[in-house]
Amino acid sequence: MTTKMNKNEILLLLTDRWCDWEAAYAIAVANSFSDYTVKTIAAEGESMLSMGGLKTEIDYCIKDYRDFSNTAIVILPGGLSWEENDYDEITEFLTLLAAEGIPIAAICGATTYLCRHGFLNHVKHTGDSLELFLSQDGYTGQELYVPAQVVADGGFITANETAAVEFSYEIFKLLKVDSDEEMSQWFDNFKYGAVR
């Protein structure tokens, strides 16, 4: 697999009790079979524990990361802490990324966080449910909500909690990690199975 973009760093933004499976396909394929490199980033520098009990070291602290010249995308896996915290540092960081035109991909609880902070009010998007989004202060994007597994629009990729394969596929297409044919075959295999 080869990449077509000049920027080659993928940031995996981790929070406490992050969902380790939701970005697993995306980061494993991009990191191992393309020119992209996956790096972890968090609001604080200490390691983050996933829902599956994986203790993950952090490469970058958000407050120290201000050079976006090599940043291809930031991926926000879901997790148990998105609805419990406002994460002001993350909000500021994502605002800077969006202003720089850097894509933001969020799944599950991370989409709820984005909607609560107004990031999805002006782009087509999805998440775990419209009802959940409507319960969030700061959300006015209900006319743009799409009941789908994944939606890509305006620099954002959003997905519901059951859409890890679709989420990764949209990330692969955006980053052009391989030919359209190879990416389509990957999706078909992992969505429907190699043996049918």
N, C-alpha and C. Protein backbone atom coordinates (compact mmCIF):
# COMPACT_ATOMS: atom_id res chain seq x y z
N MET A 1 0.84 -1.18 0.00
CA MET A 1 0.00 0.00 0.00
C MET A 1 0.88 1.24 0.00
N THR A 2 0.45 2.24 -0.73
CA THR A 2 1.20 3.49 -0.75
C THR A 2 0.25 4.65 -0.51
N THR A 3 0.80 5.72 0.01
CA THR A 3 -0.02 6.89 0.31
C THR A 3 0.14 7.95 -0.76
N LYS A 4 -0.89 8.73 -0.96
CA LYS A 4 -0.86 9.78 -1.97
C LYS A 4 -0.73 11.17 -1.34
N MET A 5 -0.73 11.24 -0.04
CA MET A 5 -0.67 12.53 0.64
C MET A 5 0.75 12.80 1.13
N ASN A 6 1.09 14.09 1.26
CA ASN A 6 2.41 14.45 1.78
C ASN A 6 2.46 14.35 3.30
N LYS A 7 1.38 14.72 3.96
CA LYS A 7 1.33 14.63 5.42
C LYS A 7 1.20 13.16 5.80
N ASN A 8 1.96 12.72 6.79
CA ASN A 8 1.90 11.29 7.06
C ASN A 8 1.72 10.91 8.52
N GLU A 9 1.34 11.84 9.37
CA GLU A 9 1.14 11.49 10.77
C GLU A 9 -0.34 11.44 11.11
N ILE A 10 -0.77 10.29 11.62
CA ILE A 10 -2.13 10.09 12.10
C ILE A 10 -2.11 10.22 13.61
N LEU A 11 -2.93 11.09 14.15
CA LEU A 11 -3.02 11.25 15.60
C LEU A 11 -4.22 10.48 16.13
N LEU A 12 -3.97 9.60 17.08
CA LEU A 12 -5.03 8.87 17.78
C LEU A 12 -5.21 9.55 19.12
N LEU A 13 -6.32 10.28 19.27
CA LEU A 13 -6.55 11.07 20.48
C LEU A 13 -7.25 10.21 21.52
N LEU A 14 -6.57 9.97 22.63
CA LEU A 14 -7.07 9.04 23.64
C LEU A 14 -7.56 9.76 24.89
N THR A 15 -8.61 9.19 25.45
CA THR A 15 -9.17 9.64 26.72
C THR A 15 -9.27 8.44 27.65
N ASP A 16 -9.60 8.69 28.89
CA ASP A 16 -9.73 7.62 29.88
C ASP A 16 -10.78 6.61 29.45
N ARG A 17 -10.44 5.32 29.50
CA ARG A 17 -11.33 4.22 29.15
C ARG A 17 -11.80 4.30 27.70
N TRP A 18 -10.83 4.59 26.80
CA TRP A 18 -11.14 4.68 25.37
C TRP A 18 -11.47 3.31 24.80
N CYS A 19 -12.28 3.29 23.77
CA CYS A 19 -12.72 2.04 23.14
C CYS A 19 -11.63 1.56 22.18
N ASP A 20 -10.85 0.58 22.61
CA ASP A 20 -9.68 0.16 21.85
C ASP A 20 -10.01 -0.48 20.50
N TRP A 21 -11.18 -1.06 20.33
CA TRP A 21 -11.52 -1.73 19.09
C TRP A 21 -12.03 -0.79 18.01
N GLU A 22 -12.49 0.39 18.38
CA GLU A 22 -13.19 1.24 17.40
C GLU A 22 -12.28 1.87 16.35
N ALA A 23 -11.03 2.06 16.65
CA ALA A 23 -10.09 2.60 15.66
C ALA A 23 -9.03 1.56 15.28
N ALA A 24 -9.19 0.34 15.77
CA ALA A 24 -8.14 -0.68 15.60
C ALA A 24 -7.84 -0.99 14.13
N TYR A 25 -8.87 -1.19 13.32
CA TYR A 25 -8.63 -1.48 11.91
C TYR A 25 -7.89 -0.31 11.24
N ALA A 26 -8.38 0.89 11.49
CA ALA A 26 -7.81 2.06 10.82
C ALA A 26 -6.33 2.24 11.15
N ILE A 27 -6.00 2.17 12.42
CA ILE A 27 -4.60 2.44 12.79
C ILE A 27 -3.68 1.29 12.42
N ALA A 28 -4.16 0.06 12.51
CA ALA A 28 -3.31 -1.09 12.18
C ALA A 28 -2.95 -1.11 10.70
N VAL A 29 -3.94 -0.93 9.85
CA VAL A 29 -3.69 -0.95 8.41
C VAL A 29 -2.83 0.24 7.99
N ALA A 30 -3.21 1.44 8.44
CA ALA A 30 -2.46 2.64 8.03
C ALA A 30 -1.02 2.60 8.54
N ASN A 31 -0.83 2.17 9.76
CA ASN A 31 0.52 2.16 10.34
C ASN A 31 1.41 1.07 9.74
N SER A 32 0.82 -0.05 9.35
CA SER A 32 1.61 -1.20 8.90
C SER A 32 1.74 -1.33 7.38
N PHE A 33 0.77 -0.81 6.64
CA PHE A 33 0.75 -1.07 5.20
C PHE A 33 0.70 0.20 4.35
N SER A 34 1.09 1.32 4.91
CA SER A 34 1.14 2.57 4.14
C SER A 34 2.30 3.41 4.66
N ASP A 35 2.43 4.59 4.13
CA ASP A 35 3.49 5.50 4.57
C ASP A 35 3.10 6.31 5.80
N TYR A 36 1.91 6.06 6.33
CA TYR A 36 1.46 6.80 7.51
C TYR A 36 2.06 6.22 8.79
N THR A 37 2.21 7.08 9.78
CA THR A 37 2.67 6.69 11.10
C THR A 37 1.61 7.12 12.11
N VAL A 38 1.22 6.20 12.97
CA VAL A 38 0.23 6.51 14.00
C VAL A 38 0.95 6.95 15.27
N LYS A 39 0.50 8.07 15.82
CA LYS A 39 1.02 8.57 17.09
C LYS A 39 -0.16 8.83 18.02
N THR A 40 0.06 8.60 19.31
CA THR A 40 -0.99 8.86 20.29
C THR A 40 -0.84 10.26 20.86
N ILE A 41 -1.97 10.86 21.20
CA ILE A 41 -2.00 12.19 21.79
C ILE A 41 -3.11 12.23 22.82
N ALA A 42 -2.91 13.00 23.88
CA ALA A 42 -3.92 13.10 24.94
C ALA A 42 -3.80 14.45 25.62
N ALA A 43 -4.79 14.78 26.42
CA ALA A 43 -4.77 16.04 27.15
C ALA A 43 -3.64 16.08 28.16
N GLU A 44 -3.28 14.91 28.66
CA GLU A 44 -2.18 14.80 29.61
C GLU A 44 -1.18 13.77 29.09
N GLY A 45 0.03 13.83 29.59
CA GLY A 45 1.11 13.01 29.06
C GLY A 45 1.17 11.58 29.57
N GLU A 46 0.43 11.26 30.64
CA GLU A 46 0.55 9.90 31.18
C GLU A 46 -0.22 8.89 30.34
N SER A 47 0.10 7.63 30.50
CA SER A 47 -0.53 6.58 29.71
C SER A 47 -2.03 6.54 29.97
N MET A 48 -2.76 6.05 28.96
CA MET A 48 -4.21 5.94 29.04
C MET A 48 -4.62 4.47 29.05
N LEU A 49 -5.58 4.16 29.89
CA LEU A 49 -6.09 2.80 30.00
C LEU A 49 -7.34 2.66 29.15
N SER A 50 -7.36 1.66 28.28
CA SER A 50 -8.52 1.44 27.42
C SER A 50 -9.59 0.64 28.15
N MET A 51 -10.77 0.54 27.53
CA MET A 51 -11.84 -0.28 28.11
C MET A 51 -11.42 -1.73 28.21
N GLY A 52 -10.55 -2.18 27.31
CA GLY A 52 -10.08 -3.55 27.33
C GLY A 52 -8.89 -3.78 28.24
N GLY A 53 -8.49 -2.73 28.95
CA GLY A 53 -7.40 -2.87 29.91
C GLY A 53 -6.01 -2.67 29.32
N LEU A 54 -5.93 -2.13 28.10
CA LEU A 54 -4.63 -1.86 27.49
C LEU A 54 -4.08 -0.54 28.00
N LYS A 55 -2.87 -0.57 28.52
CA LYS A 55 -2.22 0.64 29.00
C LYS A 55 -1.39 1.20 27.84
N THR A 56 -1.80 2.33 27.31
CA THR A 56 -1.20 2.88 26.11
C THR A 56 -0.37 4.11 26.42
N GLU A 57 0.88 4.09 26.00
CA GLU A 57 1.76 5.24 26.19
C GLU A 57 1.34 6.38 25.26
N ILE A 58 1.58 7.60 25.70
CA ILE A 58 1.19 8.78 24.94
C ILE A 58 2.44 9.41 24.32
N ASP A 59 2.37 9.64 23.00
CA ASP A 59 3.50 10.25 22.30
C ASP A 59 3.54 11.77 22.48
N TYR A 60 2.36 12.38 22.44
CA TYR A 60 2.28 13.84 22.51
C TYR A 60 1.25 14.30 23.52
N CYS A 61 1.54 15.40 24.17
CA CYS A 61 0.57 16.08 25.02
C CYS A 61 -0.03 17.22 24.19
N ILE A 62 -1.36 17.37 24.23
CA ILE A 62 -2.05 18.35 23.40
C ILE A 62 -1.46 19.75 23.53
N LYS A 63 -1.15 20.17 24.72
CA LYS A 63 -0.68 21.55 24.92
C LYS A 63 0.66 21.81 24.23
N ASP A 64 1.42 20.76 23.94
CA ASP A 64 2.71 20.92 23.29
C ASP A 64 2.68 20.69 21.78
N TYR A 65 1.52 20.30 21.26
CA TYR A 65 1.43 19.95 19.84
C TYR A 65 0.78 21.11 19.08
N ARG A 66 1.60 21.92 18.42
CA ARG A 66 1.06 23.07 17.70
C ARG A 66 1.56 23.17 16.26
N ASP A 67 2.41 22.25 15.84
CA ASP A 67 2.87 22.24 14.46
C ASP A 67 2.08 21.17 13.72
N PHE A 68 1.13 21.61 12.88
CA PHE A 68 0.23 20.69 12.19
C PHE A 68 0.69 20.39 10.76
N SER A 69 1.92 20.77 10.43
CA SER A 69 2.38 20.65 9.04
C SER A 69 2.48 19.20 8.57
N ASN A 70 2.56 18.25 9.50
CA ASN A 70 2.66 16.84 9.12
C ASN A 70 1.45 16.03 9.56
N THR A 71 0.40 16.70 10.02
CA THR A 71 -0.77 16.02 10.56
C THR A 71 -1.77 15.72 9.44
N ALA A 72 -2.02 14.43 9.18
CA ALA A 72 -2.94 14.02 8.12
C ALA A 72 -4.38 13.95 8.61
N ILE A 73 -4.58 13.50 9.84
CA ILE A 73 -5.93 13.32 10.40
C ILE A 73 -5.80 13.11 11.90
N VAL A 74 -6.86 13.41 12.63
CA VAL A 74 -6.93 13.03 14.04
C VAL A 74 -8.14 12.12 14.20
N ILE A 75 -7.93 10.99 14.88
CA ILE A 75 -8.99 10.00 15.10
C ILE A 75 -9.36 10.00 16.57
N LEU A 76 -10.67 10.09 16.84
CA LEU A 76 -11.19 10.08 18.21
C LEU A 76 -12.01 8.81 18.41
N PRO A 77 -11.44 7.77 19.03
CA PRO A 77 -12.25 6.61 19.37
C PRO A 77 -13.24 6.99 20.47
N GLY A 78 -14.32 6.23 20.56
CA GLY A 78 -15.26 6.46 21.65
C GLY A 78 -14.65 6.08 22.98
N GLY A 79 -15.45 6.11 24.02
CA GLY A 79 -14.95 5.75 25.34
C GLY A 79 -15.92 6.19 26.41
N LEU A 80 -15.67 5.72 27.61
CA LEU A 80 -16.61 5.98 28.71
C LEU A 80 -16.50 7.37 29.31
N SER A 81 -15.48 8.13 28.94
CA SER A 81 -15.31 9.43 29.60
C SER A 81 -15.77 10.62 28.76
N TRP A 82 -16.12 10.41 27.48
CA TRP A 82 -16.53 11.55 26.65
C TRP A 82 -17.74 12.28 27.19
N GLU A 83 -18.72 11.55 27.71
CA GLU A 83 -19.93 12.20 28.21
C GLU A 83 -19.77 12.72 29.63
N GLU A 84 -18.70 12.31 30.30
CA GLU A 84 -18.49 12.72 31.69
C GLU A 84 -17.64 13.98 31.81
N ASN A 85 -16.98 14.38 30.72
CA ASN A 85 -16.03 15.49 30.78
C ASN A 85 -16.24 16.47 29.65
N ASP A 86 -15.93 17.74 29.90
CA ASP A 86 -15.99 18.75 28.84
C ASP A 86 -14.71 18.82 28.05
N TYR A 87 -13.58 18.42 28.65
CA TYR A 87 -12.30 18.39 27.95
C TYR A 87 -12.01 19.70 27.21
N ASP A 88 -11.91 20.79 27.96
CA ASP A 88 -11.66 22.10 27.35
C ASP A 88 -10.41 22.10 26.48
N GLU A 89 -9.35 21.40 26.92
CA GLU A 89 -8.10 21.37 26.15
C GLU A 89 -8.32 20.68 24.80
N ILE A 90 -9.13 19.63 24.80
CA ILE A 90 -9.41 18.92 23.55
C ILE A 90 -10.25 19.79 22.64
N THR A 91 -11.22 20.49 23.19
CA THR A 91 -12.07 21.37 22.39
C THR A 91 -11.22 22.44 21.70
N GLU A 92 -10.33 23.04 22.45
CA GLU A 92 -9.45 24.07 21.88
C GLU A 92 -8.56 23.47 20.78
N PHE A 93 -8.03 22.29 21.04
CA PHE A 93 -7.16 21.61 20.09
C PHE A 93 -7.91 21.29 18.80
N LEU A 94 -9.10 20.73 18.91
CA LEU A 94 -9.88 20.37 17.73
C LEU A 94 -10.31 21.61 16.95
N THR A 95 -10.56 22.70 17.64
CA THR A 95 -10.90 23.97 16.98
C THR A 95 -9.73 24.43 16.12
N LEU A 96 -8.51 24.30 16.64
CA LEU A 96 -7.31 24.65 15.88
C LEU A 96 -7.15 23.73 14.67
N LEU A 97 -7.36 22.43 14.87
CA LEU A 97 -7.24 21.48 13.77
C LEU A 97 -8.25 21.78 12.66
N ALA A 98 -9.50 22.02 13.05
CA ALA A 98 -10.54 22.31 12.06
C ALA A 98 -10.21 23.58 11.29
N ALA A 99 -9.67 24.59 11.98
CA ALA A 99 -9.29 25.83 11.32
C ALA A 99 -8.16 25.61 10.32
N GLU A 100 -7.32 24.63 10.58
CA GLU A 100 -6.20 24.29 9.69
C GLU A 100 -6.66 23.37 8.55
N GLY A 101 -7.92 22.94 8.58
CA GLY A 101 -8.43 22.06 7.55
C GLY A 101 -8.01 20.62 7.70
N ILE A 102 -7.63 20.23 8.91
CA ILE A 102 -7.20 18.85 9.16
C ILE A 102 -8.43 18.01 9.50
N PRO A 103 -8.63 16.90 8.80
CA PRO A 103 -9.81 16.07 9.05
C PRO A 103 -9.86 15.52 10.48
N ILE A 104 -11.09 15.41 10.98
CA ILE A 104 -11.34 14.87 12.32
C ILE A 104 -12.31 13.71 12.16
N ALA A 105 -11.92 12.52 12.63
CA ALA A 105 -12.75 11.33 12.54
C ALA A 105 -13.14 10.88 13.94
N ALA A 106 -14.45 10.77 14.19
CA ALA A 106 -14.94 10.42 15.52
C ALA A 106 -15.98 9.32 15.43
N ILE A 107 -15.97 8.46 16.43
CA ILE A 107 -16.90 7.34 16.47
C ILE A 107 -17.49 7.23 17.87
N CYS A 108 -18.74 6.75 17.95
CA CYS A 108 -19.38 6.44 19.21
C CYS A 108 -19.46 7.67 20.13
N GLY A 109 -19.01 7.55 21.36
CA GLY A 109 -19.10 8.64 22.33
C GLY A 109 -18.36 9.89 21.93
N ALA A 110 -17.35 9.77 21.08
CA ALA A 110 -16.63 10.95 20.62
C ALA A 110 -17.51 11.83 19.73
N THR A 111 -18.48 11.22 19.02
CA THR A 111 -19.40 12.03 18.21
C THR A 111 -20.32 12.84 19.12
N THR A 112 -20.71 12.25 20.24
CA THR A 112 -21.55 12.98 21.19
C THR A 112 -20.80 14.18 21.74
N TYR A 113 -19.54 13.99 22.04
CA TYR A 113 -18.69 15.10 22.49
C TYR A 113 -18.63 16.19 21.42
N LEU A 114 -18.41 15.80 20.15
CA LEU A 114 -18.35 16.79 19.08
C LEU A 114 -19.65 17.56 18.93
N CYS A 115 -20.77 16.86 19.05
CA CYS A 115 -22.05 17.55 18.89
C CYS A 115 -22.29 18.52 20.04
N ARG A 116 -21.91 18.14 21.24
CA ARG A 116 -22.10 18.99 22.41
C ARG A 116 -21.28 20.28 22.32
N HIS A 117 -20.17 20.22 21.60
CA HIS A 117 -19.30 21.39 21.49
C HIS A 117 -19.46 22.13 20.16
N GLY A 118 -20.53 21.82 19.43
CA GLY A 118 -20.88 22.60 18.24
C GLY A 118 -20.15 22.25 16.97
N PHE A 119 -19.29 21.24 16.99
CA PHE A 119 -18.52 20.90 15.80
C PHE A 119 -19.38 20.34 14.67
N LEU A 120 -20.53 19.76 15.01
CA LEU A 120 -21.35 19.09 14.00
C LEU A 120 -22.58 19.89 13.58
N ASN A 121 -22.66 21.12 14.02
CA ASN A 121 -23.85 21.93 13.73
C ASN A 121 -23.95 22.38 12.28
N HIS A 122 -22.85 22.28 11.53
CA HIS A 122 -22.84 22.79 10.15
C HIS A 122 -22.35 21.78 9.13
N VAL A 123 -22.26 20.51 9.52
CA VAL A 123 -21.86 19.45 8.58
C VAL A 123 -22.81 18.27 8.73
N LYS A 124 -23.00 17.51 7.66
CA LYS A 124 -23.77 16.27 7.76
C LYS A 124 -23.00 15.33 8.68
N HIS A 125 -23.72 14.59 9.51
CA HIS A 125 -23.07 13.77 10.52
C HIS A 125 -23.99 12.66 11.01
N THR A 126 -23.41 11.73 11.76
CA THR A 126 -24.18 10.69 12.42
C THR A 126 -23.58 10.45 13.79
N GLY A 127 -24.18 9.51 14.52
CA GLY A 127 -23.71 9.16 15.85
C GLY A 127 -24.57 8.04 16.38
N ASP A 128 -24.56 7.85 17.68
CA ASP A 128 -25.29 6.72 18.25
C ASP A 128 -26.80 6.89 18.16
N SER A 129 -27.30 8.12 18.23
CA SER A 129 -28.73 8.36 17.98
C SER A 129 -29.01 9.86 17.97
N LEU A 130 -30.00 10.26 17.18
CA LEU A 130 -30.39 11.67 17.17
C LEU A 130 -30.94 12.07 18.53
N GLU A 131 -31.66 11.16 19.18
CA GLU A 131 -32.22 11.47 20.51
C GLU A 131 -31.11 11.82 21.49
N LEU A 132 -30.02 11.09 21.45
CA LEU A 132 -28.88 11.37 22.32
C LEU A 132 -28.31 12.75 22.00
N PHE A 133 -28.16 13.05 20.73
CA PHE A 133 -27.62 14.35 20.34
C PHE A 133 -28.53 15.49 20.78
N LEU A 134 -29.82 15.30 20.65
CA LEU A 134 -30.78 16.36 21.04
C LEU A 134 -30.74 16.65 22.53
N SER A 135 -30.23 15.71 23.31
CA SER A 135 -30.14 15.92 24.76
C SER A 135 -28.88 16.71 25.15
N GLN A 136 -28.04 17.03 24.18
CA GLN A 136 -26.78 17.72 24.46
C GLN A 136 -26.93 19.23 24.28
N ASP A 137 -26.52 19.99 25.29
CA ASP A 137 -26.48 21.45 25.16
C ASP A 137 -25.48 21.81 24.07
N GLY A 138 -25.78 22.81 23.27
CA GLY A 138 -24.86 23.26 22.24
C GLY A 138 -25.10 22.62 20.89
N TYR A 139 -26.04 21.68 20.81
CA TYR A 139 -26.31 20.99 19.54
C TYR A 139 -27.50 21.61 18.84
N THR A 140 -27.29 22.08 17.62
CA THR A 140 -28.38 22.63 16.81
C THR A 140 -28.35 22.05 15.40
N GLY A 141 -27.67 20.93 15.22
CA GLY A 141 -27.48 20.37 13.88
C GLY A 141 -28.42 19.26 13.49
N GLN A 142 -29.58 19.19 14.14
CA GLN A 142 -30.48 18.05 13.89
C GLN A 142 -30.93 17.93 12.43
N GLU A 143 -30.99 19.04 11.70
CA GLU A 143 -31.39 18.97 10.30
C GLU A 143 -30.32 18.31 9.43
N LEU A 144 -29.11 18.23 9.95
CA LEU A 144 -27.99 17.64 9.20
C LEU A 144 -27.65 16.23 9.69
N TYR A 145 -28.40 15.73 10.68
CA TYR A 145 -28.15 14.39 11.19
C TYR A 145 -28.63 13.36 10.17
N VAL A 146 -27.79 12.35 9.91
CA VAL A 146 -28.12 11.29 8.96
C VAL A 146 -28.12 9.96 9.72
N PRO A 147 -29.23 9.21 9.70
CA PRO A 147 -29.24 7.90 10.37
C PRO A 147 -28.48 6.88 9.52
N ALA A 148 -27.17 6.81 9.73
CA ALA A 148 -26.31 5.95 8.91
C ALA A 148 -25.20 5.39 9.77
N GLN A 149 -24.50 4.40 9.25
CA GLN A 149 -23.36 3.83 9.96
C GLN A 149 -22.22 4.84 10.05
N VAL A 150 -21.96 5.52 8.94
CA VAL A 150 -20.87 6.50 8.89
C VAL A 150 -21.26 7.61 7.92
N VAL A 151 -20.79 8.82 8.21
CA VAL A 151 -21.02 9.98 7.34
C VAL A 151 -19.71 10.76 7.26
N ALA A 152 -19.33 11.14 6.04
CA ALA A 152 -18.15 11.99 5.83
C ALA A 152 -18.61 13.28 5.17
N ASP A 153 -18.31 14.41 5.81
CA ASP A 153 -18.72 15.69 5.25
C ASP A 153 -17.94 16.83 5.90
N GLY A 154 -17.53 17.78 5.10
CA GLY A 154 -16.95 19.00 5.62
C GLY A 154 -15.74 18.83 6.52
N GLY A 155 -14.92 17.82 6.25
CA GLY A 155 -13.73 17.61 7.06
C GLY A 155 -13.95 16.74 8.29
N PHE A 156 -15.16 16.22 8.46
CA PHE A 156 -15.47 15.36 9.60
C PHE A 156 -15.95 13.99 9.11
N ILE A 157 -15.49 12.95 9.77
CA ILE A 157 -16.02 11.60 9.59
C ILE A 157 -16.64 11.22 10.93
N THR A 158 -17.92 10.85 10.90
CA THR A 158 -18.60 10.44 12.14
C THR A 158 -19.22 9.07 11.94
N ALA A 159 -19.27 8.28 13.01
CA ALA A 159 -19.79 6.92 12.92
C ALA A 159 -20.44 6.53 14.23
N ASN A 160 -21.41 5.63 14.13
CA ASN A 160 -22.03 5.13 15.37
C ASN A 160 -21.20 3.99 15.94
N GLU A 161 -21.58 3.54 17.12
CA GLU A 161 -20.77 2.59 17.88
C GLU A 161 -20.62 1.22 17.24
N THR A 162 -21.46 0.89 16.26
CA THR A 162 -21.39 -0.43 15.63
C THR A 162 -20.64 -0.39 14.29
N ALA A 163 -20.00 0.73 13.99
CA ALA A 163 -19.50 0.95 12.63
C ALA A 163 -17.98 1.02 12.51
N ALA A 164 -17.26 0.21 13.27
CA ALA A 164 -15.79 0.27 13.22
C ALA A 164 -15.24 -0.02 11.82
N VAL A 165 -15.85 -0.95 11.09
CA VAL A 165 -15.37 -1.28 9.75
C VAL A 165 -15.66 -0.14 8.78
N GLU A 166 -16.89 0.37 8.80
CA GLU A 166 -17.25 1.48 7.92
C GLU A 166 -16.43 2.73 8.23
N PHE A 167 -16.22 2.98 9.51
CA PHE A 167 -15.42 4.11 9.98
C PHE A 167 -14.00 4.02 9.40
N SER A 168 -13.38 2.87 9.53
CA SER A 168 -12.03 2.68 9.02
C SER A 168 -11.98 2.84 7.51
N TYR A 169 -12.97 2.31 6.83
CA TYR A 169 -13.02 2.40 5.36
C TYR A 169 -13.06 3.86 4.90
N GLU A 170 -13.85 4.68 5.58
CA GLU A 170 -13.90 6.11 5.22
C GLU A 170 -12.55 6.78 5.47
N ILE A 171 -11.89 6.39 6.54
CA ILE A 171 -10.55 6.93 6.83
C ILE A 171 -9.57 6.49 5.75
N PHE A 172 -9.63 5.21 5.36
CA PHE A 172 -8.75 4.70 4.31
C PHE A 172 -8.95 5.48 3.00
N LYS A 173 -10.22 5.71 2.63
CA LYS A 173 -10.51 6.42 1.39
C LYS A 173 -10.00 7.85 1.44
N LEU A 174 -10.19 8.51 2.57
CA LEU A 174 -9.72 9.88 2.71
C LEU A 174 -8.20 9.96 2.59
N LEU A 175 -7.51 9.03 3.24
CA LEU A 175 -6.05 9.04 3.25
C LEU A 175 -5.44 8.36 2.03
N LYS A 176 -6.28 7.69 1.25
CA LYS A 176 -5.81 6.97 0.06
C LYS A 176 -4.68 5.99 0.43
N VAL A 177 -4.97 5.13 1.39
CA VAL A 177 -3.95 4.18 1.84
C VAL A 177 -3.64 3.11 0.79
N ASP A 178 -4.52 2.96 -0.20
CA ASP A 178 -4.30 1.97 -1.25
C ASP A 178 -5.19 2.33 -2.43
N SER A 179 -5.17 1.48 -3.46
CA SER A 179 -6.02 1.70 -4.62
C SER A 179 -7.48 1.54 -4.23
N ASP A 180 -8.37 2.14 -5.00
CA ASP A 180 -9.80 2.02 -4.74
C ASP A 180 -10.22 0.55 -4.71
N GLU A 181 -9.66 -0.23 -5.63
CA GLU A 181 -10.01 -1.66 -5.71
C GLU A 181 -9.58 -2.41 -4.46
N GLU A 182 -8.36 -2.18 -4.00
CA GLU A 182 -7.86 -2.87 -2.80
C GLU A 182 -8.65 -2.46 -1.56
N MET A 183 -8.95 -1.17 -1.44
CA MET A 183 -9.72 -0.71 -0.27
C MET A 183 -11.13 -1.27 -0.29
N SER A 184 -11.73 -1.33 -1.47
CA SER A 184 -13.08 -1.90 -1.60
C SER A 184 -13.08 -3.38 -1.23
N GLN A 185 -12.03 -4.10 -1.64
CA GLN A 185 -11.91 -5.52 -1.30
C GLN A 185 -11.74 -5.70 0.21
N TRP A 186 -10.93 -4.83 0.83
CA TRP A 186 -10.75 -4.88 2.29
C TRP A 186 -12.10 -4.70 2.98
N PHE A 187 -12.86 -3.71 2.56
CA PHE A 187 -14.15 -3.45 3.18
C PHE A 187 -15.07 -4.65 3.03
N ASP A 188 -15.14 -5.19 1.83
CA ASP A 188 -16.01 -6.34 1.58
C ASP A 188 -15.64 -7.52 2.48
N ASN A 189 -14.34 -7.80 2.61
CA ASN A 189 -13.89 -8.91 3.44
C ASN A 189 -14.21 -8.72 4.91
N PHE A 190 -13.92 -7.52 5.43
CA PHE A 190 -14.08 -7.31 6.86
C PHE A 190 -15.52 -7.00 7.25
N LYS A 191 -16.32 -6.54 6.30
CA LYS A 191 -17.73 -6.30 6.60
C LYS A 191 -18.55 -7.59 6.47
N TYR A 192 -18.26 -8.39 5.43
CA TYR A 192 -19.11 -9.53 5.12
C TYR A 192 -18.43 -10.88 5.30
N GLY A 193 -17.09 -10.86 5.53
CA GLY A 193 -16.39 -12.12 5.76
C GLY A 193 -15.67 -12.62 4.51
N ALA A 194 -14.53 -13.22 4.71
CA ALA A 194 -13.76 -13.75 3.58
C ALA A 194 -14.36 -15.05 3.06
N VAL A 195 -15.07 -15.77 3.93
CA VAL A 195 -15.73 -17.02 3.56
C VAL A 195 -17.22 -16.83 3.74
N ARG A 196 -18.00 -17.10 2.68
CA ARG A 196 -19.47 -16.90 2.74
C ARG A 196 -20.21 -18.11 2.25
